[in-house]
Amino acid sequence: TLAGLDIRGWSGPALSVSGGRQLTVQDCRVLRCPAAAYAIRDVAEARIETCSAVQGGSGFEVDGGRGVRLFGNVAGLNQGAGYAIRSSGAWVAANNANNNLRDGIVVENAADVVLAGNTCAGNNQAGEAHAGIRLAGGARNARLLFNNCGDDQIRATQRVGIREEPGAGSNEIRFNGTATMATRRGHE
Protein backbone atom coordinates (compact mmCIF):
# COMPACT_ATOMS: atom_id res chain seq x y z
CA THR A 1 0.00 0.00 0.00
CA LEU A 2 1.23 3.47 -0.94
CA ALA A 3 -0.57 6.33 0.76
CA GLY A 4 -0.18 10.08 1.11
CA LEU A 5 2.67 10.63 -1.38
CA ASP A 6 3.19 14.13 -2.80
CA ILE A 7 5.40 14.11 -5.92
CA ARG A 8 6.19 17.31 -7.82
CA GLY A 9 8.25 17.91 -10.95
CA TRP A 10 9.77 14.42 -11.21
CA SER A 11 11.29 13.88 -14.67
CA GLY A 12 10.04 10.33 -15.32
CA PRO A 13 6.82 8.55 -14.40
CA ALA A 14 6.09 9.73 -10.88
CA LEU A 15 4.72 6.41 -9.70
CA SER A 16 5.61 3.42 -11.86
CA VAL A 17 4.80 -0.17 -10.90
CA SER A 18 5.30 -3.31 -13.02
CA GLY A 19 4.17 -6.83 -12.21
CA GLY A 20 2.60 -8.32 -9.13
CA ARG A 21 -0.88 -8.15 -7.68
CA GLN A 22 -3.03 -6.41 -5.11
CA LEU A 23 -1.34 -3.01 -5.14
CA THR A 24 -3.22 -0.20 -3.36
CA VAL A 25 -2.43 3.46 -3.98
CA GLN A 26 -4.50 6.05 -2.11
CA ASP A 27 -4.53 9.74 -1.30
CA CYS A 28 -1.48 10.54 -3.44
CA ARG A 29 -0.81 13.71 -5.44
CA VAL A 30 1.38 14.15 -8.52
CA LEU A 31 1.97 17.62 -9.97
CA ARG A 32 3.93 18.82 -13.02
CA CYS A 33 5.63 15.56 -14.04
CA PRO A 34 6.32 15.47 -17.81
CA ALA A 35 5.75 11.71 -18.10
CA ALA A 36 2.81 9.63 -16.83
CA ALA A 37 1.87 10.52 -13.28
CA TYR A 38 0.81 6.91 -12.55
CA ALA A 39 2.12 4.11 -14.81
CA ILE A 40 0.67 0.76 -13.72
CA ARG A 41 1.83 -2.15 -15.89
CA ASP A 42 0.83 -5.80 -15.57
CA VAL A 43 -0.40 -5.48 -11.99
CA ALA A 44 -3.46 -7.63 -11.28
CA GLU A 45 -6.08 -6.32 -8.86
CA ALA A 46 -4.46 -2.90 -8.41
CA ARG A 47 -6.62 -0.30 -6.68
CA ILE A 48 -5.96 3.43 -7.12
CA GLU A 49 -8.27 5.72 -5.20
CA THR A 50 -8.57 9.40 -4.29
CA CYS A 51 -5.34 10.35 -6.08
CA SER A 52 -4.62 13.27 -8.39
CA ALA A 53 -2.51 13.85 -11.51
CA VAL A 54 -2.30 17.51 -12.52
CA GLN A 55 -0.28 19.37 -15.17
CA GLY A 56 1.77 16.37 -16.30
CA GLY A 57 2.43 14.34 -19.40
CA SER A 58 -0.57 12.10 -18.82
CA GLY A 59 -2.60 11.15 -15.79
CA PHE A 60 -3.22 7.46 -15.16
CA GLU A 61 -1.86 4.84 -17.59
CA VAL A 62 -2.94 1.26 -16.92
CA ASP A 63 -1.50 -1.46 -19.17
CA GLY A 64 -2.11 -5.19 -18.75
CA GLY A 65 -3.04 -6.79 -15.48
CA ARG A 66 -6.65 -7.66 -14.80
CA GLY A 67 -9.21 -6.35 -12.37
CA VAL A 68 -7.64 -2.90 -11.89
CA ARG A 69 -9.86 -0.40 -10.00
CA LEU A 70 -9.64 3.39 -10.24
CA PHE A 71 -12.06 5.17 -7.88
CA GLY A 72 -12.46 8.84 -7.00
CA ASN A 73 -9.35 10.19 -8.74
CA VAL A 74 -8.73 13.52 -10.50
CA ALA A 75 -6.72 14.01 -13.73
CA GLY A 76 -6.56 17.54 -15.05
CA LEU A 77 -4.52 19.84 -17.27
CA ASN A 78 -2.34 17.01 -18.58
CA GLN A 79 -0.62 16.94 -22.00
CA GLY A 80 -2.04 13.50 -22.81
CA ALA A 81 -5.17 11.67 -21.73
CA GLY A 82 -6.42 11.88 -18.18
CA TYR A 83 -6.88 8.09 -18.06
CA ALA A 84 -5.50 5.58 -20.60
CA ILE A 85 -6.93 2.13 -19.93
CA ARG A 86 -5.36 -0.86 -21.71
CA SER A 87 -6.28 -3.46 -19.08
CA SER A 88 -9.15 -5.92 -19.47
CA GLY A 89 -11.63 -6.16 -16.64
CA ALA A 90 -10.79 -2.68 -15.28
CA TRP A 91 -13.35 -0.62 -13.32
CA VAL A 92 -13.08 3.15 -13.63
CA ALA A 93 -15.69 4.85 -11.45
CA ALA A 94 -16.42 8.25 -9.89
CA ASN A 95 -13.31 9.87 -11.40
CA ASN A 96 -12.87 13.35 -12.82
CA ALA A 97 -11.00 14.15 -16.06
CA ASN A 98 -10.90 17.84 -16.91
CA ASN A 99 -9.07 20.12 -19.31
CA ASN A 100 -6.63 17.49 -20.56
CA LEU A 101 -5.01 18.14 -23.92
CA ARG A 102 -6.34 14.84 -25.31
CA ASP A 103 -9.12 12.49 -24.17
CA GLY A 104 -10.54 12.51 -20.68
CA ILE A 105 -10.63 8.69 -20.68
CA VAL A 106 -9.48 6.41 -23.51
CA VAL A 107 -9.99 2.64 -23.55
CA GLU A 108 -8.03 0.68 -26.14
CA ASN A 109 -7.17 -2.96 -26.69
CA ALA A 110 -9.08 -4.01 -23.57
CA ALA A 111 -12.23 -6.04 -22.96
CA ASP A 112 -14.87 -6.00 -20.23
CA VAL A 113 -13.99 -2.52 -18.91
CA VAL A 114 -16.62 -0.70 -16.83
CA LEU A 115 -16.74 3.12 -16.83
CA ALA A 116 -19.38 4.40 -14.41
CA GLY A 117 -20.19 7.74 -12.84
CA ASN A 118 -17.16 9.60 -14.23
CA THR A 119 -17.11 13.29 -15.12
CA CYS A 120 -15.18 14.31 -18.25
CA ALA A 121 -15.31 18.02 -19.04
CA GLY A 122 -13.31 20.46 -21.13
CA ASN A 123 -10.93 17.84 -22.54
CA ASN A 124 -9.48 17.91 -26.07
CA GLN A 125 -7.74 21.20 -25.38
CA ALA A 126 -5.58 20.38 -28.44
CA GLY A 127 -8.68 20.76 -30.64
CA GLU A 128 -8.15 17.42 -32.40
CA ALA A 129 -10.36 14.32 -32.59
CA HIS A 130 -10.34 13.52 -28.88
CA ALA A 131 -13.41 13.08 -26.68
CA GLY A 132 -14.56 13.01 -23.10
CA ILE A 133 -14.53 9.19 -23.33
CA ARG A 134 -13.10 7.44 -26.38
CA LEU A 135 -13.41 3.73 -27.11
CA ALA A 136 -10.52 3.12 -29.50
CA GLY A 137 -9.64 0.04 -31.51
CA GLY A 138 -9.79 -3.21 -29.59
CA ALA A 139 -12.17 -1.86 -26.92
CA ARG A 140 -14.88 -4.51 -26.68
CA ASN A 141 -17.63 -5.51 -24.28
CA ALA A 142 -17.13 -2.27 -22.35
CA ARG A 143 -19.96 -0.85 -20.24
CA LEU A 144 -20.32 2.94 -20.06
CA LEU A 145 -22.98 3.89 -17.55
CA PHE A 146 -24.00 7.18 -15.91
CA ASN A 147 -20.99 9.21 -17.05
CA ASN A 148 -21.22 12.98 -17.56
CA CYS A 149 -19.22 14.07 -20.60
CA GLY A 150 -20.28 17.65 -21.20
CA ASP A 151 -18.30 20.83 -21.62
CA ASP A 152 -19.28 24.07 -19.88
CA GLN A 153 -16.57 26.29 -21.37
CA ILE A 154 -17.73 29.31 -23.38
CA ARG A 155 -15.77 27.92 -26.32
CA ALA A 156 -16.22 24.18 -25.92
CA THR A 157 -13.17 22.09 -26.82
CA GLN A 158 -14.65 18.70 -25.95
CA ARG A 159 -17.05 18.63 -28.86
CA VAL A 160 -17.69 14.90 -28.55
CA GLY A 161 -18.82 13.44 -25.25
CA ILE A 162 -18.39 9.75 -26.10
CA ARG A 163 -16.80 8.37 -29.26
CA GLU A 164 -16.75 4.72 -30.30
CA GLU A 165 -14.20 4.32 -33.07
CA PRO A 166 -14.00 1.66 -35.79
CA GLY A 167 -12.43 -1.46 -34.35
CA ALA A 168 -14.27 -1.08 -31.05
CA GLY A 169 -17.44 -3.10 -30.66
CA SER A 170 -20.10 -4.88 -28.63
CA ASN A 171 -20.02 -2.06 -26.09
CA GLU A 172 -22.94 -1.01 -23.91
CA ILE A 173 -23.32 2.77 -23.75
CA ARG A 174 -26.32 3.80 -21.64
CA PHE A 175 -27.57 6.56 -19.34
CA ASN A 176 -24.71 8.99 -20.06
CA GLY A 177 -24.95 12.78 -20.38
CA THR A 178 -22.99 14.13 -23.33
CA ALA A 179 -24.34 17.62 -24.06
CA THR A 180 -22.20 20.73 -23.94
CA MET A 181 -23.65 23.39 -21.71
CA ALA A 182 -23.34 26.12 -24.33
CA THR A 183 -25.06 24.38 -27.25
CA ARG A 184 -26.71 21.26 -25.80
CA ARG A 185 -24.94 19.33 -28.54
CA GLY A 186 -21.73 17.39 -28.42
CA HIS A 187 -22.44 13.73 -28.89
CA GLU A 188 -22.22 11.44 -31.88
C-alpha atoms as a PDB file:
ATOM      1  CA  THR A   1       0.000   0.000   0.000  1.00  0.00           C
ATOM      2  CA  LEU A   2       1.233   3.470  -0.939  1.00  0.00           C
ATOM      3  CA  ALA A   3      -0.565   6.334   0.757  1.00  0.00           C
ATOM      4  CA  GLY A   4      -0.178  10.076   1.108  1.00  0.00           C
ATOM      5  CA  LEU A   5       2.673  10.628  -1.380  1.00  0.00           C
ATOM      6  CA  ASP A   6       3.186  14.134  -2.797  1.00  0.00           C
ATOM      7  CA  ILE A   7       5.402  14.114  -5.915  1.00  0.00           C
ATOM      8  CA  ARG A   8       6.186  17.310  -7.818  1.00  0.00           C
ATOM      9  CA  GLY A   9       8.250  17.906 -10.946  1.00  0.00           C
ATOM     10  CA  TRP A  10       9.774  14.421 -11.210  1.00  0.00           C
ATOM     11  CA  SER A  11      11.294  13.884 -14.671  1.00  0.00           C
ATOM     12  CA  GLY A  12      10.041  10.330 -15.321  1.00  0.00           C
ATOM     13  CA  PRO A  13       6.823   8.546 -14.402  1.00  0.00           C
ATOM     14  CA  ALA A  14       6.087   9.731 -10.876  1.00  0.00           C
ATOM     15  CA  LEU A  15       4.722   6.407  -9.696  1.00  0.00           C
ATOM     16  CA  SER A  16       5.607   3.419 -11.855  1.00  0.00           C
ATOM     17  CA  VAL A  17       4.801  -0.174 -10.904  1.00  0.00           C
ATOM     18  CA  SER A  18       5.297  -3.315 -13.024  1.00  0.00           C
ATOM     19  CA  GLY A  19       4.171  -6.829 -12.213  1.00  0.00           C
ATOM     20  CA  GLY A  20       2.600  -8.324  -9.129  1.00  0.00           C
ATOM     21  CA  ARG A  21      -0.876  -8.152  -7.677  1.00  0.00           C
ATOM     22  CA  GLN A  22      -3.025  -6.415  -5.111  1.00  0.00           C
ATOM     23  CA  LEU A  23      -1.342  -3.007  -5.143  1.00  0.00           C
ATOM     24  CA  THR A  24      -3.224  -0.204  -3.357  1.00  0.00           C
ATOM     25  CA  VAL A  25      -2.433   3.465  -3.980  1.00  0.00           C
ATOM     26  CA  GLN A  26      -4.505   6.049  -2.109  1.00  0.00           C
ATOM     27  CA  ASP A  27      -4.534   9.738  -1.304  1.00  0.00           C
ATOM     28  CA  CYS A  28      -1.476  10.544  -3.444  1.00  0.00           C
ATOM     29  CA  ARG A  29      -0.815  13.705  -5.445  1.00  0.00           C
ATOM     30  CA  VAL A  30       1.376  14.154  -8.519  1.00  0.00           C
ATOM     31  CA  LEU A  31       1.972  17.615  -9.969  1.00  0.00           C
ATOM     32  CA  ARG A  32       3.927  18.815 -13.025  1.00  0.00           C
ATOM     33  CA  CYS A  33       5.633  15.559 -14.039  1.00  0.00           C
ATOM     34  CA  PRO A  34       6.318  15.474 -17.812  1.00  0.00           C
ATOM     35  CA  ALA A  35       5.751  11.707 -18.104  1.00  0.00           C
ATOM     36  CA  ALA A  36       2.811   9.631 -16.831  1.00  0.00           C
ATOM     37  CA  ALA A  37       1.866  10.517 -13.285  1.00  0.00           C
ATOM     38  CA  TYR A  38       0.810   6.912 -12.554  1.00  0.00           C
ATOM     39  CA  ALA A  39       2.120   4.108 -14.807  1.00  0.00           C
ATOM     40  CA  ILE A  40       0.673   0.762 -13.722  1.00  0.00           C
ATOM     41  CA  ARG A  41       1.825  -2.150 -15.888  1.00  0.00           C
ATOM     42  CA  ASP A  42       0.834  -5.802 -15.572  1.00  0.00           C
ATOM     43  CA  VAL A  43      -0.399  -5.479 -11.989  1.00  0.00           C
ATOM     44  CA  ALA A  44      -3.462  -7.625 -11.279  1.00  0.00           C
ATOM     45  CA  GLU A  45      -6.080  -6.322  -8.859  1.00  0.00           C
ATOM     46  CA  ALA A  46      -4.460  -2.902  -8.408  1.00  0.00           C
ATOM     47  CA  ARG A  47      -6.616  -0.302  -6.677  1.00  0.00           C
ATOM     48  CA  ILE A  48      -5.962   3.425  -7.124  1.00  0.00           C
ATOM     49  CA  GLU A  49      -8.269   5.721  -5.199  1.00  0.00           C
ATOM     50  CA  THR A  50      -8.570   9.404  -4.291  1.00  0.00           C
ATOM     51  CA  CYS A  51      -5.341  10.347  -6.084  1.00  0.00           C
ATOM     52  CA  SER A  52      -4.624  13.274  -8.387  1.00  0.00           C
ATOM     53  CA  ALA A  53      -2.512  13.853 -11.513  1.00  0.00           C
ATOM     54  CA  VAL A  54      -2.297  17.510 -12.518  1.00  0.00           C
ATOM     55  CA  GLN A  55      -0.276  19.370 -15.175  1.00  0.00           C
ATOM     56  CA  GLY A  56       1.766  16.374 -16.304  1.00  0.00           C
ATOM     57  CA  GLY A  57       2.435  14.336 -19.399  1.00  0.00           C
ATOM     58  CA  SER A  58      -0.573  12.103 -18.824  1.00  0.00           C
ATOM     59  CA  GLY A  59      -2.598  11.151 -15.785  1.00  0.00           C
ATOM     60  CA  PHE A  60      -3.215   7.456 -15.157  1.00  0.00           C
ATOM     61  CA  GLU A  61      -1.864   4.838 -17.589  1.00  0.00           C
ATOM     62  CA  VAL A  62      -2.940   1.261 -16.920  1.00  0.00           C
ATOM     63  CA  ASP A  63      -1.504  -1.461 -19.175  1.00  0.00           C
ATOM     64  CA  GLY A  64      -2.115  -5.187 -18.751  1.00  0.00           C
ATOM     65  CA  GLY A  65      -3.036  -6.793 -15.479  1.00  0.00           C
ATOM     66  CA  ARG A  66      -6.645  -7.658 -14.800  1.00  0.00           C
ATOM     67  CA  GLY A  67      -9.214  -6.346 -12.372  1.00  0.00           C
ATOM     68  CA  VAL A  68      -7.636  -2.897 -11.888  1.00  0.00           C
ATOM     69  CA  ARG A  69      -9.856  -0.396 -10.004  1.00  0.00           C
ATOM     70  CA  LEU A  70      -9.643   3.393 -10.238  1.00  0.00           C
ATOM     71  CA  PHE A  71     -12.056   5.166  -7.885  1.00  0.00           C
ATOM     72  CA  GLY A  72     -12.460   8.841  -6.997  1.00  0.00           C
ATOM     73  CA  ASN A  73      -9.346  10.186  -8.742  1.00  0.00           C
ATOM     74  CA  VAL A  74      -8.725  13.517 -10.503  1.00  0.00           C
ATOM     75  CA  ALA A  75      -6.723  14.006 -13.731  1.00  0.00           C
ATOM     76  CA  GLY A  76      -6.559  17.544 -15.047  1.00  0.00           C
ATOM     77  CA  LEU A  77      -4.525  19.842 -17.266  1.00  0.00           C
ATOM     78  CA  ASN A  78      -2.339  17.009 -18.583  1.00  0.00           C
ATOM     79  CA  GLN A  79      -0.625  16.943 -21.997  1.00  0.00           C
ATOM     80  CA  GLY A  80      -2.039  13.496 -22.808  1.00  0.00           C
ATOM     81  CA  ALA A  81      -5.167  11.673 -21.729  1.00  0.00           C
ATOM     82  CA  GLY A  82      -6.425  11.885 -18.184  1.00  0.00           C
ATOM     83  CA  TYR A  83      -6.876   8.086 -18.057  1.00  0.00           C
ATOM     84  CA  ALA A  84      -5.500   5.579 -20.601  1.00  0.00           C
ATOM     85  CA  ILE A  85      -6.929   2.127 -19.926  1.00  0.00           C
ATOM     86  CA  ARG A  86      -5.364  -0.855 -21.706  1.00  0.00           C
ATOM     87  CA  SER A  87      -6.279  -3.456 -19.081  1.00  0.00           C
ATOM     88  CA  SER A  88      -9.145  -5.924 -19.465  1.00  0.00           C
ATOM     89  CA  GLY A  89     -11.631  -6.155 -16.637  1.00  0.00           C
ATOM     90  CA  ALA A  90     -10.793  -2.678 -15.277  1.00  0.00           C
ATOM     91  CA  TRP A  91     -13.348  -0.623 -13.319  1.00  0.00           C
ATOM     92  CA  VAL A  92     -13.079   3.151 -13.630  1.00  0.00           C
ATOM     93  CA  ALA A  93     -15.690   4.846 -11.451  1.00  0.00           C
ATOM     94  CA  ALA A  94     -16.416   8.254  -9.894  1.00  0.00           C
ATOM     95  CA  ASN A  95     -13.308   9.865 -11.402  1.00  0.00           C
ATOM     96  CA  ASN A  96     -12.868  13.348 -12.818  1.00  0.00           C
ATOM     97  CA  ALA A  97     -10.997  14.153 -16.057  1.00  0.00           C
ATOM     98  CA  ASN A  98     -10.899  17.844 -16.910  1.00  0.00           C
ATOM     99  CA  ASN A  99      -9.071  20.121 -19.309  1.00  0.00           C
ATOM    100  CA  ASN A 100      -6.635  17.487 -20.555  1.00  0.00           C
ATOM    101  CA  LEU A 101      -5.008  18.136 -23.924  1.00  0.00           C
ATOM    102  CA  ARG A 102      -6.344  14.842 -25.309  1.00  0.00           C
ATOM    103  CA  ASP A 103      -9.120  12.486 -24.168  1.00  0.00           C
ATOM    104  CA  GLY A 104     -10.539  12.507 -20.684  1.00  0.00           C
ATOM    105  CA  ILE A 105     -10.629   8.689 -20.681  1.00  0.00           C
ATOM    106  CA  VAL A 106      -9.476   6.409 -23.507  1.00  0.00           C
ATOM    107  CA  VAL A 107      -9.987   2.638 -23.546  1.00  0.00           C
ATOM    108  CA  GLU A 108      -8.026   0.685 -26.136  1.00  0.00           C
ATOM    109  CA  ASN A 109      -7.165  -2.958 -26.693  1.00  0.00           C
ATOM    110  CA  ALA A 110      -9.079  -4.013 -23.573  1.00  0.00           C
ATOM    111  CA  ALA A 111     -12.229  -6.044 -22.956  1.00  0.00           C
ATOM    112  CA  ASP A 112     -14.870  -5.997 -20.234  1.00  0.00           C
ATOM    113  CA  VAL A 113     -13.990  -2.524 -18.906  1.00  0.00           C
ATOM    114  CA  VAL A 114     -16.621  -0.702 -16.828  1.00  0.00           C
ATOM    115  CA  LEU A 115     -16.739   3.119 -16.834  1.00  0.00           C
ATOM    116  CA  ALA A 116     -19.380   4.397 -14.415  1.00  0.00           C
ATOM    117  CA  GLY A 117     -20.190   7.740 -12.843  1.00  0.00           C
ATOM    118  CA  ASN A 118     -17.162   9.603 -14.225  1.00  0.00           C
ATOM    119  CA  THR A 119     -17.113  13.290 -15.123  1.00  0.00           C
ATOM    120  CA  CYS A 120     -15.181  14.313 -18.249  1.00  0.00           C
ATOM    121  CA  ALA A 121     -15.306  18.025 -19.040  1.00  0.00           C
ATOM    122  CA  GLY A 122     -13.306  20.462 -21.135  1.00  0.00           C
ATOM    123  CA  ASN A 123     -10.928  17.844 -22.538  1.00  0.00           C
ATOM    124  CA  ASN A 124      -9.475  17.912 -26.072  1.00  0.00           C
ATOM    125  CA  GLN A 125      -7.741  21.201 -25.381  1.00  0.00           C
ATOM    126  CA  ALA A 126      -5.577  20.375 -28.441  1.00  0.00           C
ATOM    127  CA  GLY A 127      -8.685  20.756 -30.639  1.00  0.00           C
ATOM    128  CA  GLU A 128      -8.150  17.424 -32.398  1.00  0.00           C
ATOM    129  CA  ALA A 129     -10.356  14.325 -32.589  1.00  0.00           C
ATOM    130  CA  HIS A 130     -10.337  13.525 -28.879  1.00  0.00           C
ATOM    131  CA  ALA A 131     -13.408  13.083 -26.679  1.00  0.00           C
ATOM    132  CA  GLY A 132     -14.559  13.007 -23.099  1.00  0.00           C
ATOM    133  CA  ILE A 133     -14.529   9.194 -23.329  1.00  0.00           C
ATOM    134  CA  ARG A 134     -13.102   7.437 -26.382  1.00  0.00           C
ATOM    135  CA  LEU A 135     -13.414   3.734 -27.114  1.00  0.00           C
ATOM    136  CA  ALA A 136     -10.518   3.124 -29.496  1.00  0.00           C
ATOM    137  CA  GLY A 137      -9.644   0.043 -31.513  1.00  0.00           C
ATOM    138  CA  GLY A 138      -9.793  -3.211 -29.593  1.00  0.00           C
ATOM    139  CA  ALA A 139     -12.171  -1.863 -26.920  1.00  0.00           C
ATOM    140  CA  ARG A 140     -14.880  -4.511 -26.676  1.00  0.00           C
ATOM    141  CA  ASN A 141     -17.629  -5.511 -24.281  1.00  0.00           C
ATOM    142  CA  ALA A 142     -17.135  -2.271 -22.346  1.00  0.00           C
ATOM    143  CA  ARG A 143     -19.964  -0.854 -20.243  1.00  0.00           C
ATOM    144  CA  LEU A 144     -20.323   2.943 -20.064  1.00  0.00           C
ATOM    145  CA  LEU A 145     -22.983   3.886 -17.545  1.00  0.00           C
ATOM    146  CA  PHE A 146     -24.003   7.181 -15.907  1.00  0.00           C
ATOM    147  CA  ASN A 147     -20.994   9.210 -17.055  1.00  0.00           C
ATOM    148  CA  ASN A 148     -21.217  12.979 -17.559  1.00  0.00           C
ATOM    149  CA  CYS A 149     -19.218  14.070 -20.597  1.00  0.00           C
ATOM    150  CA  GLY A 150     -20.281  17.655 -21.200  1.00  0.00           C
ATOM    151  CA  ASP A 151     -18.303  20.830 -21.621  1.00  0.00           C
ATOM    152  CA  ASP A 152     -19.277  24.065 -19.876  1.00  0.00           C
ATOM    153  CA  GLN A 153     -16.573  26.293 -21.369  1.00  0.00           C
ATOM    154  CA  ILE A 154     -17.726  29.312 -23.379  1.00  0.00           C
ATOM    155  CA  ARG A 155     -15.774  27.921 -26.324  1.00  0.00           C
ATOM    156  CA  ALA A 156     -16.224  24.180 -25.920  1.00  0.00           C
ATOM    157  CA  THR A 157     -13.174  22.092 -26.817  1.00  0.00           C
ATOM    158  CA  GLN A 158     -14.649  18.701 -25.950  1.00  0.00           C
ATOM    159  CA  ARG A 159     -17.048  18.633 -28.859  1.00  0.00           C
ATOM    160  CA  VAL A 160     -17.689  14.895 -28.549  1.00  0.00           C
ATOM    161  CA  GLY A 161     -18.821  13.436 -25.253  1.00  0.00           C
ATOM    162  CA  ILE A 162     -18.394   9.750 -26.098  1.00  0.00           C
ATOM    163  CA  ARG A 163     -16.797   8.374 -29.257  1.00  0.00           C
ATOM    164  CA  GLU A 164     -16.754   4.720 -30.303  1.00  0.00           C
ATOM    165  CA  GLU A 165     -14.197   4.316 -33.075  1.00  0.00           C
ATOM    166  CA  PRO A 166     -14.002   1.662 -35.790  1.00  0.00           C
ATOM    167  CA  GLY A 167     -12.432  -1.462 -34.353  1.00  0.00           C
ATOM    168  CA  ALA A 168     -14.275  -1.080 -31.049  1.00  0.00           C
ATOM    169  CA  GLY A 169     -17.435  -3.097 -30.661  1.00  0.00           C
ATOM    170  CA  SER A 170     -20.096  -4.876 -28.633  1.00  0.00           C
ATOM    171  CA  ASN A 171     -20.018  -2.061 -26.095  1.00  0.00           C
ATOM    172  CA  GLU A 172     -22.945  -1.012 -23.914  1.00  0.00           C
ATOM    173  CA  ILE A 173     -23.317   2.775 -23.753  1.00  0.00           C
ATOM    174  CA  ARG A 174     -26.323   3.802 -21.638  1.00  0.00           C
ATOM    175  CA  PHE A 175     -27.572   6.565 -19.344  1.00  0.00           C
ATOM    176  CA  ASN A 176     -24.709   8.992 -20.061  1.00  0.00           C
ATOM    177  CA  GLY A 177     -24.953  12.778 -20.375  1.00  0.00           C
ATOM    178  CA  THR A 178     -22.991  14.134 -23.329  1.00  0.00           C
ATOM    179  CA  ALA A 179     -24.336  17.624 -24.064  1.00  0.00           C
ATOM    180  CA  THR A 180     -22.198  20.725 -23.940  1.00  0.00           C
ATOM    181  CA  MET A 181     -23.649  23.390 -21.711  1.00  0.00           C
ATOM    182  CA  ALA A 182     -23.345  26.119 -24.326  1.00  0.00           C
ATOM    183  CA  THR A 183     -25.058  24.380 -27.247  1.00  0.00           C
ATOM    184  CA  ARG A 184     -26.715  21.259 -25.797  1.00  0.00           C
ATOM    185  CA  ARG A 185     -24.937  19.327 -28.541  1.00  0.00           C
ATOM    186  CA  GLY A 186     -21.733  17.387 -28.422  1.00  0.00           C
ATOM    187  CA  HIS A 187     -22.442  13.730 -28.889  1.00  0.00           C
ATOM    188  CA  GLU A 188     -22.217  11.440 -31.878  1.00  0.00           C
END
